[in-house]
């Protein structure tokens, strides 16, 4: 049996994030992007690099 997944974030978490100052949001996003770049598979990195070189 497959369990139905709920939303990733609830309304309370979203409201809390919205209350953060812009600098804190930016730091959070940079940290998240850094983490995602580190865990991305090599094949995906190569595809992203090729797309970026072609202006996408």
N, C-alpha and C. Protein backbone atom coordinates (compact mmCIF):
# COMPACT_ATOMS: atom_id res chain seq x y z
N UNK A 1 0.83 -1.17 0.00
CA UNK A 1 0.00 0.00 0.00
C UNK A 1 0.88 1.24 0.00
N UNK A 2 0.58 2.19 -0.85
CA UNK A 2 1.34 3.43 -0.95
C UNK A 2 0.69 4.49 -0.08
N UNK A 3 1.49 5.09 0.79
CA UNK A 3 0.97 6.16 1.64
C UNK A 3 0.94 7.46 0.85
N UNK A 4 -0.12 8.21 1.04
CA UNK A 4 -0.22 9.51 0.38
C UNK A 4 0.67 10.49 1.13
N UNK A 5 1.52 11.16 0.37
CA UNK A 5 2.41 12.14 0.98
C UNK A 5 1.68 13.46 1.15
N UNK A 6 1.96 14.11 2.25
CA UNK A 6 1.40 15.43 2.51
C UNK A 6 2.26 16.50 1.84
N UNK A 7 1.87 17.73 2.00
CA UNK A 7 2.66 18.81 1.42
C UNK A 7 4.05 18.86 2.06
N UNK A 8 5.04 19.29 1.29
CA UNK A 8 6.40 19.37 1.80
C UNK A 8 6.52 20.38 2.94
N UNK A 9 5.80 21.47 2.83
CA UNK A 9 5.83 22.52 3.84
C UNK A 9 4.41 22.83 4.26
N UNK A 10 4.25 23.15 5.53
CA UNK A 10 2.92 23.53 5.97
C UNK A 10 2.82 25.07 6.00
N UNK A 11 1.64 25.57 6.19
CA UNK A 11 1.41 27.01 6.14
C UNK A 11 2.22 27.76 7.20
N UNK A 12 2.37 27.16 8.36
CA UNK A 12 3.13 27.81 9.44
C UNK A 12 4.60 28.01 9.04
N UNK A 13 5.19 26.98 8.42
CA UNK A 13 6.59 27.08 7.97
C UNK A 13 6.75 28.14 6.88
N UNK A 14 5.78 28.21 5.99
CA UNK A 14 5.84 29.19 4.91
C UNK A 14 5.74 30.61 5.48
N UNK A 15 4.84 30.82 6.41
CA UNK A 15 4.69 32.14 7.03
C UNK A 15 5.95 32.54 7.80
N UNK A 16 6.56 31.58 8.47
CA UNK A 16 7.81 31.85 9.20
C UNK A 16 8.90 32.27 8.23
N UNK A 17 9.02 31.56 7.11
CA UNK A 17 10.03 31.90 6.10
C UNK A 17 9.77 33.28 5.52
N UNK A 18 8.50 33.59 5.28
CA UNK A 18 8.15 34.89 4.71
C UNK A 18 8.53 36.04 5.64
N UNK A 19 8.57 35.77 6.93
CA UNK A 19 8.89 36.83 7.89
C UNK A 19 10.40 37.10 7.99
N UNK A 20 11.23 36.22 7.43
CA UNK A 20 12.67 36.42 7.48
C UNK A 20 13.07 37.66 6.68
N UNK A 21 14.12 38.36 7.11
CA UNK A 21 14.63 39.47 6.31
C UNK A 21 15.23 38.93 5.00
N UNK A 22 15.31 39.77 4.00
CA UNK A 22 15.79 39.35 2.67
C UNK A 22 17.18 38.72 2.74
N UNK A 23 18.08 39.27 3.56
CA UNK A 23 19.44 38.72 3.65
C UNK A 23 19.43 37.28 4.16
N UNK A 24 18.58 37.00 5.13
CA UNK A 24 18.50 35.64 5.68
C UNK A 24 17.95 34.67 4.63
N UNK A 25 16.95 35.11 3.87
CA UNK A 25 16.40 34.27 2.80
C UNK A 25 17.47 33.98 1.76
N UNK A 26 18.26 35.01 1.41
CA UNK A 26 19.31 34.83 0.41
C UNK A 26 20.37 33.86 0.89
N UNK A 27 20.78 33.97 2.15
CA UNK A 27 21.76 33.03 2.71
C UNK A 27 21.23 31.60 2.67
N UNK A 28 19.95 31.44 3.01
CA UNK A 28 19.32 30.12 3.00
C UNK A 28 19.32 29.54 1.58
N UNK A 29 18.95 30.36 0.60
CA UNK A 29 18.91 29.89 -0.79
C UNK A 29 20.30 29.54 -1.30
N UNK A 30 21.30 30.34 -0.95
CA UNK A 30 22.67 30.04 -1.38
C UNK A 30 23.16 28.72 -0.78
N UNK A 31 22.85 28.51 0.50
CA UNK A 31 23.25 27.25 1.15
C UNK A 31 22.56 26.06 0.49
N UNK A 32 21.29 26.21 0.16
CA UNK A 32 20.54 25.13 -0.48
C UNK A 32 21.11 24.84 -1.88
N UNK A 33 21.41 25.88 -2.64
CA UNK A 33 21.98 25.69 -3.98
C UNK A 33 23.34 25.01 -3.90
N UNK A 34 24.15 25.41 -2.94
CA UNK A 34 25.46 24.79 -2.75
C UNK A 34 25.32 23.29 -2.46
N UNK A 35 24.40 22.96 -1.56
CA UNK A 35 24.16 21.56 -1.23
C UNK A 35 23.70 20.77 -2.45
N UNK A 36 22.76 21.34 -3.21
CA UNK A 36 22.23 20.63 -4.38
C UNK A 36 23.29 20.43 -5.45
N UNK A 37 24.19 21.41 -5.62
CA UNK A 37 25.28 21.25 -6.59
C UNK A 37 26.20 20.11 -6.17
N UNK A 38 26.45 19.97 -4.86
CA UNK A 38 27.35 18.92 -4.37
C UNK A 38 26.79 17.53 -4.57
N UNK A 39 25.48 17.36 -4.46
CA UNK A 39 24.90 16.02 -4.54
C UNK A 39 24.45 15.65 -5.95
N UNK A 40 24.51 16.60 -6.88
CA UNK A 40 24.07 16.33 -8.25
C UNK A 40 24.99 15.30 -8.91
N UNK A 41 24.45 14.31 -9.57
CA UNK A 41 25.26 13.31 -10.26
C UNK A 41 26.11 13.95 -11.38
N UNK A 42 27.26 13.35 -11.66
CA UNK A 42 28.19 13.88 -12.66
C UNK A 42 27.51 14.04 -14.03
N UNK A 43 26.69 13.08 -14.42
CA UNK A 43 26.02 13.15 -15.72
C UNK A 43 25.12 14.39 -15.78
N UNK A 44 24.41 14.66 -14.71
CA UNK A 44 23.54 15.81 -14.65
C UNK A 44 24.35 17.11 -14.68
N UNK A 45 25.50 17.12 -14.01
CA UNK A 45 26.38 18.30 -14.02
C UNK A 45 26.85 18.60 -15.44
N UNK A 46 27.21 17.54 -16.17
CA UNK A 46 27.68 17.73 -17.55
C UNK A 46 26.58 18.27 -18.45
N UNK A 47 25.38 17.78 -18.30
CA UNK A 47 24.25 18.26 -19.09
C UNK A 47 23.99 19.72 -18.78
N UNK A 48 24.01 20.08 -17.50
CA UNK A 48 23.78 21.47 -17.10
C UNK A 48 24.87 22.38 -17.66
N UNK A 49 26.11 21.92 -17.63
CA UNK A 49 27.22 22.70 -18.17
C UNK A 49 27.05 22.93 -19.67
N UNK A 50 26.68 21.87 -20.40
CA UNK A 50 26.48 22.00 -21.84
C UNK A 50 25.34 22.97 -22.16
N UNK A 51 24.26 22.88 -21.44
CA UNK A 51 23.14 23.79 -21.64
C UNK A 51 23.54 25.23 -21.35
N UNK A 52 24.31 25.42 -20.30
CA UNK A 52 24.75 26.76 -19.93
C UNK A 52 25.67 27.35 -21.00
N UNK A 53 26.54 26.51 -21.56
CA UNK A 53 27.43 26.97 -22.62
C UNK A 53 26.65 27.38 -23.87
N UNK A 54 25.52 26.77 -24.09
CA UNK A 54 24.69 27.08 -25.26
C UNK A 54 23.67 28.18 -24.99
N UNK A 55 23.74 28.77 -23.80
CA UNK A 55 22.88 29.90 -23.49
C UNK A 55 21.53 29.59 -22.90
N UNK A 56 21.35 28.36 -22.43
CA UNK A 56 20.07 28.00 -21.82
C UNK A 56 20.12 28.21 -20.34
